[in-house]
Amino acid sequence: MKYIVYALLAAILISLGSGLFYLSRDDVDSTKLLRALKVRVALSAILILFLVASYFLGWIRPG
């Protein structure tokens, strides 16, 4: 379970890095930059939904 969270966090960081790369290299209106932002937002939403579902299913407990 924690490996899924680690994998999603790593994917978010990779998307963040690629967005930074495209921002510094390409045009500001680049579609690659927009795609990196969309991927990062989608992965973040998936991570939040996964953590909330895990909490309600009893897979994780606070504290």
PDB file of N, CA and C in Angstrom:
ATOM      1  N   MET A   1       0.820  -1.185   0.000  1.00  0.00           N
ATOM      2  CA  MET A   1       0.000   0.000   0.000  1.00  0.00           C
ATOM      3  C   MET A   1       0.870   1.256   0.000  1.00  0.00           C
ATOM      4  N   LYS A   2       1.897   1.278   0.838  1.00  0.00           N
ATOM      5  CA  LYS A   2       2.730   2.469   0.867  1.00  0.00           C
ATOM      6  C   LYS A   2       3.561   2.599  -0.403  1.00  0.00           C
ATOM      7  N   TYR A   3       3.782   1.487  -1.103  1.00  0.00           N
ATOM      8  CA  TYR A   3       4.511   1.558  -2.358  1.00  0.00           C
ATOM      9  C   TYR A   3       3.688   2.255  -3.439  1.00  0.00           C
ATOM     10  N   ILE A   4       2.373   2.091  -3.371  1.00  0.00           N
ATOM     11  CA  ILE A   4       1.493   2.798  -4.301  1.00  0.00           C
ATOM     12  C   ILE A   4       1.584   4.300  -4.049  1.00  0.00           C
ATOM     13  N   VAL A   5       1.568   4.694  -2.784  1.00  0.00           N
ATOM     14  CA  VAL A   5       1.672   6.110  -2.436  1.00  0.00           C
ATOM     15  C   VAL A   5       3.031   6.652  -2.879  1.00  0.00           C
ATOM     16  N   TYR A   6       4.096   5.897  -2.645  1.00  0.00           N
ATOM     17  CA  TYR A   6       5.429   6.330  -3.065  1.00  0.00           C
ATOM     18  C   TYR A   6       5.516   6.458  -4.586  1.00  0.00           C
ATOM     19  N   ALA A   7       4.916   5.515  -5.297  1.00  0.00           N
ATOM     20  CA  ALA A   7       4.946   5.562  -6.761  1.00  0.00           C
ATOM     21  C   ALA A   7       4.175   6.780  -7.283  1.00  0.00           C
ATOM     22  N   LEU A   8       3.026   7.065  -6.686  1.00  0.00           N
ATOM     23  CA  LEU A   8       2.267   8.238  -7.110  1.00  0.00           C
ATOM     24  C   LEU A   8       3.016   9.533  -6.790  1.00  0.00           C
ATOM     25  N   LEU A   9       3.646   9.603  -5.638  1.00  0.00           N
ATOM     26  CA  LEU A   9       4.431  10.793  -5.295  1.00  0.00           C
ATOM     27  C   LEU A   9       5.609  10.963  -6.250  1.00  0.00           C
ATOM     28  N   ALA A  10       6.260   9.864  -6.601  1.00  0.00           N
ATOM     29  CA  ALA A  10       7.373   9.938  -7.549  1.00  0.00           C
ATOM     30  C   ALA A  10       6.888  10.398  -8.924  1.00  0.00           C
ATOM     31  N   ALA A  11       5.739   9.893  -9.355  1.00  0.00           N
ATOM     32  CA  ALA A  11       5.181  10.312 -10.644  1.00  0.00           C
ATOM     33  C   ALA A  11       4.816  11.794 -10.626  1.00  0.00           C
ATOM     34  N   ILE A  12       4.302  12.285  -9.500  1.00  0.00           N
ATOM     35  CA  ILE A  12       3.973  13.709  -9.371  1.00  0.00           C
ATOM     36  C   ILE A  12       5.243  14.548  -9.469  1.00  0.00           C
ATOM     37  N   LEU A  13       6.304  14.114  -8.801  1.00  0.00           N
ATOM     38  CA  LEU A  13       7.565  14.854  -8.860  1.00  0.00           C
ATOM     39  C   LEU A  13       8.184  14.833 -10.253  1.00  0.00           C
ATOM     40  N   ILE A  14       8.059  13.715 -10.942  1.00  0.00           N
ATOM     41  CA  ILE A  14       8.567  13.635 -12.316  1.00  0.00           C
ATOM     42  C   ILE A  14       7.785  14.570 -13.223  1.00  0.00           C
ATOM     43  N   SER A  15       6.481  14.614 -13.051  1.00  0.00           N
ATOM     44  CA  SER A  15       5.661  15.529 -13.835  1.00  0.00           C
ATOM     45  C   SER A  15       6.003  16.981 -13.522  1.00  0.00           C
ATOM     46  N   LEU A  16       6.275  17.262 -12.261  1.00  0.00           N
ATOM     47  CA  LEU A  16       6.687  18.609 -11.869  1.00  0.00           C
ATOM     48  C   LEU A  16       8.006  18.984 -12.539  1.00  0.00           C
ATOM     49  N   GLY A  17       8.945  18.058 -12.544  1.00  0.00           N
ATOM     50  CA  GLY A  17      10.234  18.296 -13.191  1.00  0.00           C
ATOM     51  C   GLY A  17      10.110  18.482 -14.694  1.00  0.00           C
ATOM     52  N   SER A  18       9.266  17.689 -15.338  1.00  0.00           N
ATOM     53  CA  SER A  18       9.102  17.855 -16.784  1.00  0.00           C
ATOM     54  C   SER A  18       8.419  19.181 -17.098  1.00  0.00           C
ATOM     55  N   GLY A  19       7.478  19.599 -16.260  1.00  0.00           N
ATOM     56  CA  GLY A  19       6.856  20.901 -16.466  1.00  0.00           C
ATOM     57  C   GLY A  19       7.863  22.030 -16.330  1.00  0.00           C
ATOM     58  N   LEU A  20       8.744  21.915 -15.360  1.00  0.00           N
ATOM     59  CA  LEU A  20       9.793  22.924 -15.185  1.00  0.00           C
ATOM     60  C   LEU A  20      10.743  22.938 -16.380  1.00  0.00           C
ATOM     61  N   PHE A  21      11.055  21.763 -16.891  1.00  0.00           N
ATOM     62  CA  PHE A  21      11.924  21.667 -18.062  1.00  0.00           C
ATOM     63  C   PHE A  21      11.279  22.342 -19.266  1.00  0.00           C
ATOM     64  N   TYR A  22       9.998  22.025 -19.514  1.00  0.00           N
ATOM     65  CA  TYR A  22       9.312  22.619 -20.661  1.00  0.00           C
ATOM     66  C   TYR A  22       9.118  24.115 -20.481  1.00  0.00           C
ATOM     67  N   LEU A  23       8.967  24.575 -19.244  1.00  0.00           N
ATOM     68  CA  LEU A  23       8.819  25.998 -18.990  1.00  0.00           C
ATOM     69  C   LEU A  23      10.113  26.743 -19.298  1.00  0.00           C
ATOM     70  N   SER A  24      11.231  26.134 -18.970  1.00  0.00           N
ATOM     71  CA  SER A  24      12.506  26.811 -19.194  1.00  0.00           C
ATOM     72  C   SER A  24      12.996  26.682 -20.640  1.00  0.00           C
ATOM     73  N   ARG A  25      12.600  25.629 -21.330  1.00  0.00           N
ATOM     74  CA  ARG A  25      13.103  25.376 -22.678  1.00  0.00           C
ATOM     75  C   ARG A  25      12.183  25.910 -23.773  1.00  0.00           C
ATOM     76  N   ASP A  26      10.902  25.625 -23.646  1.00  0.00           N
ATOM     77  CA  ASP A  26       9.967  25.915 -24.727  1.00  0.00           C
ATOM     78  C   ASP A  26       9.259  27.240 -24.517  1.00  0.00           C
ATOM     79  N   ASP A  27       8.340  27.464 -25.404  1.00  0.00           N
ATOM     80  CA  ASP A  27       7.480  28.628 -25.332  1.00  0.00           C
ATOM     81  C   ASP A  27       6.571  28.509 -24.110  1.00  0.00           C
ATOM     82  N   VAL A  28       6.190  29.620 -23.548  1.00  0.00           N
ATOM     83  CA  VAL A  28       5.332  29.598 -22.359  1.00  0.00           C
ATOM     84  C   VAL A  28       3.968  28.994 -22.696  1.00  0.00           C
ATOM     85  N   ASP A  29       3.512  29.158 -23.918  1.00  0.00           N
ATOM     86  CA  ASP A  29       2.220  28.623 -24.339  1.00  0.00           C
ATOM     87  C   ASP A  29       2.325  27.204 -24.880  1.00  0.00           C
ATOM     88  N   SER A  30       3.314  26.476 -24.464  1.00  0.00           N
ATOM     89  CA  SER A  30       3.570  25.140 -24.974  1.00  0.00           C
ATOM     90  C   SER A  30       2.489  24.156 -24.531  1.00  0.00           C
ATOM     91  N   THR A  31       2.095  23.274 -25.437  1.00  0.00           N
ATOM     92  CA  THR A  31       1.120  22.240 -25.083  1.00  0.00           C
ATOM     93  C   THR A  31       1.755  21.189 -24.182  1.00  0.00           C
ATOM     94  N   LYS A  32       3.070  21.021 -24.266  1.00  0.00           N
ATOM     95  CA  LYS A  32       3.749  20.067 -23.394  1.00  0.00           C
ATOM     96  C   LYS A  32       3.679  20.519 -21.937  1.00  0.00           C
ATOM     97  N   LEU A  33       3.801  21.817 -21.728  1.00  0.00           N
ATOM     98  CA  LEU A  33       3.689  22.364 -20.385  1.00  0.00           C
ATOM     99  C   LEU A  33       2.283  22.160 -19.836  1.00  0.00           C
ATOM    100  N   LEU A  34       1.282  22.389 -20.666  1.00  0.00           N
ATOM    101  CA  LEU A  34      -0.098  22.187 -20.255  1.00  0.00           C
ATOM    102  C   LEU A  34      -0.366  20.715 -19.945  1.00  0.00           C
ATOM    103  N   ARG A  35       0.181  19.828 -20.756  1.00  0.00           N
ATOM    104  CA  ARG A  35      -0.001  18.393 -20.524  1.00  0.00           C
ATOM    105  C   ARG A  35       0.659  17.967 -19.208  1.00  0.00           C
ATOM    106  N   ALA A  36       1.832  18.497 -18.910  1.00  0.00           N
ATOM    107  CA  ALA A  36       2.504  18.170 -17.647  1.00  0.00           C
ATOM    108  C   ALA A  36       1.678  18.655 -16.459  1.00  0.00           C
ATOM    109  N   LEU A  37       1.059  19.827 -16.582  1.00  0.00           N
ATOM    110  CA  LEU A  37       0.199  20.333 -15.520  1.00  0.00           C
ATOM    111  C   LEU A  37      -1.029  19.446 -15.338  1.00  0.00           C
ATOM    112  N   LYS A  38      -1.638  19.031 -16.443  1.00  0.00           N
ATOM    113  CA  LYS A  38      -2.820  18.161 -16.370  1.00  0.00           C
ATOM    114  C   LYS A  38      -2.479  16.822 -15.709  1.00  0.00           C
ATOM    115  N   VAL A  39      -1.339  16.266 -16.080  1.00  0.00           N
ATOM    116  CA  VAL A  39      -0.914  14.988 -15.498  1.00  0.00           C
ATOM    117  C   VAL A  39      -0.672  15.143 -14.009  1.00  0.00           C
ATOM    118  N   ARG A  40      -0.019  16.223 -13.606  1.00  0.00           N
ATOM    119  CA  ARG A  40       0.277  16.442 -12.197  1.00  0.00           C
ATOM    120  C   ARG A  40      -1.001  16.624 -11.381  1.00  0.00           C
ATOM    121  N   VAL A  41      -1.960  17.363 -11.903  1.00  0.00           N
ATOM    122  CA  VAL A  41      -3.227  17.560 -11.202  1.00  0.00           C
ATOM    123  C   VAL A  41      -4.001  16.248 -11.118  1.00  0.00           C
ATOM    124  N   ALA A  42      -4.015  15.488 -12.205  1.00  0.00           N
ATOM    125  CA  ALA A  42      -4.722  14.206 -12.195  1.00  0.00           C
ATOM    126  C   ALA A  42      -4.083  13.228 -11.209  1.00  0.00           C
ATOM    127  N   LEU A  43      -2.766  13.151 -11.190  1.00  0.00           N
ATOM    128  CA  LEU A  43      -2.087  12.252 -10.253  1.00  0.00           C
ATOM    129  C   LEU A  43      -2.319  12.669  -8.807  1.00  0.00           C
ATOM    130  N   SER A  44      -2.339  13.963  -8.556  1.00  0.00           N
ATOM    131  CA  SER A  44      -2.606  14.443  -7.201  1.00  0.00           C
ATOM    132  C   SER A  44      -4.026  14.087  -6.767  1.00  0.00           C
ATOM    133  N   ALA A  45      -4.977  14.232  -7.678  1.00  0.00           N
ATOM    134  CA  ALA A  45      -6.355  13.873  -7.356  1.00  0.00           C
ATOM    135  C   ALA A  45      -6.493  12.374  -7.104  1.00  0.00           C
ATOM    136  N   ILE A  46      -5.808  11.567  -7.904  1.00  0.00           N
ATOM    137  CA  ILE A  46      -5.835  10.113  -7.706  1.00  0.00           C
ATOM    138  C   ILE A  46      -5.230   9.759  -6.353  1.00  0.00           C
ATOM    139  N   LEU A  47      -4.133  10.406  -5.987  1.00  0.00           N
ATOM    140  CA  LEU A  47      -3.502  10.137  -4.700  1.00  0.00           C
ATOM    141  C   LEU A  47      -4.435  10.485  -3.546  1.00  0.00           C
ATOM    142  N   ILE A  48      -5.081  11.639  -3.618  1.00  0.00           N
ATOM    143  CA  ILE A  48      -5.999  12.037  -2.553  1.00  0.00           C
ATOM    144  C   ILE A  48      -7.177  11.074  -2.460  1.00  0.00           C
ATOM    145  N   LEU A  49      -7.760  10.715  -3.605  1.00  0.00           N
ATOM    146  CA  LEU A  49      -8.878   9.768  -3.589  1.00  0.00           C
ATOM    147  C   LEU A  49      -8.457   8.402  -3.054  1.00  0.00           C
ATOM    148  N   PHE A  50      -7.259   7.966  -3.404  1.00  0.00           N
ATOM    149  CA  PHE A  50      -6.760   6.688  -2.908  1.00  0.00           C
ATOM    150  C   PHE A  50      -6.575   6.715  -1.392  1.00  0.00           C
ATOM    151  N   LEU A  51      -6.036   7.809  -0.872  1.00  0.00           N
ATOM    152  CA  LEU A  51      -5.835   7.907   0.574  1.00  0.00           C
ATOM    153  C   LEU A  51      -7.162   7.978   1.320  1.00  0.00           C
ATOM    154  N   VAL A  52      -8.125   8.712   0.788  1.00  0.00           N
ATOM    155  CA  VAL A  52      -9.442   8.799   1.432  1.00  0.00           C
ATOM    156  C   VAL A  52     -10.141   7.446   1.394  1.00  0.00           C
ATOM    157  N   ALA A  53     -10.102   6.773   0.249  1.00  0.00           N
ATOM    158  CA  ALA A  53     -10.718   5.452   0.144  1.00  0.00           C
ATOM    159  C   ALA A  53     -10.034   4.452   1.071  1.00  0.00           C
ATOM    160  N   SER A  54      -8.719   4.533   1.178  1.00  0.00           N
ATOM    161  CA  SER A  54      -7.991   3.627   2.067  1.00  0.00           C
ATOM    162  C   SER A  54      -8.377   3.849   3.521  1.00  0.00           C
ATOM    163  N   TYR A  55      -8.602   5.097   3.879  1.00  0.00           N
ATOM    164  CA  TYR A  55      -9.007   5.408   5.240  1.00  0.00           C
ATOM    165  C   TYR A  55     -10.398   4.814   5.533  1.00  0.00           C
ATOM    166  N   PHE A  56     -11.326   5.023   4.609  1.00  0.00           N
ATOM    167  CA  PHE A  56     -12.691   4.523   4.838  1.00  0.00           C
ATOM    168  C   PHE A  56     -12.779   3.006   4.757  1.00  0.00           C
ATOM    169  N   LEU A  57     -11.895   2.378   4.019  1.00  0.00           N
ATOM    170  CA  LEU A  57     -11.890   0.920   3.946  1.00  0.00           C
ATOM    171  C   LEU A  57     -11.125   0.284   5.103  1.00  0.00           C
ATOM    172  N   GLY A  58     -10.476   1.104   5.913  1.00  0.00           N
ATOM    173  CA  GLY A  58      -9.765   0.592   7.068  1.00  0.00           C
ATOM    174  C   GLY A  58      -8.352   0.116   6.787  1.00  0.00           C
ATOM    175  N   TRP A  59      -7.834   0.436   5.612  1.00  0.00           N
ATOM    176  CA  TRP A  59      -6.478   0.020   5.275  1.00  0.00           C
ATOM    177  C   TRP A  59      -5.444   0.846   5.997  1.00  0.00           C
ATOM    178  N   ILE A  60      -5.781   2.094   6.306  1.00  0.00           N
ATOM    179  CA  ILE A  60      -4.878   2.960   7.062  1.00  0.00           C
ATOM    180  C   ILE A  60      -5.649   3.555   8.230  1.00  0.00           C
ATOM    181  N   ARG A  61      -4.914   3.864   9.285  1.00  0.00           N
ATOM    182  CA  ARG A  61      -5.501   4.468  10.476  1.00  0.00           C
ATOM    183  C   ARG A  61      -4.707   5.707  10.850  1.00  0.00           C
ATOM    184  N   PRO A  62      -5.377   6.712  11.377  1.00  0.00           N
ATOM    185  CA  PRO A  62      -4.628   7.890  11.805  1.00  0.00           C
ATOM    186  C   PRO A  62      -3.772   7.590  13.017  1.00  0.00           C
ATOM    187  N   GLY A  63      -2.638   8.243  13.074  1.00  0.00           N
ATOM    188  CA  GLY A  63      -1.758   8.100  14.238  1.00  0.00           C
ATOM    189  C   GLY A  63      -0.975   6.908  14.159  1.00  0.00           C
TER     190      GLY A  63
END
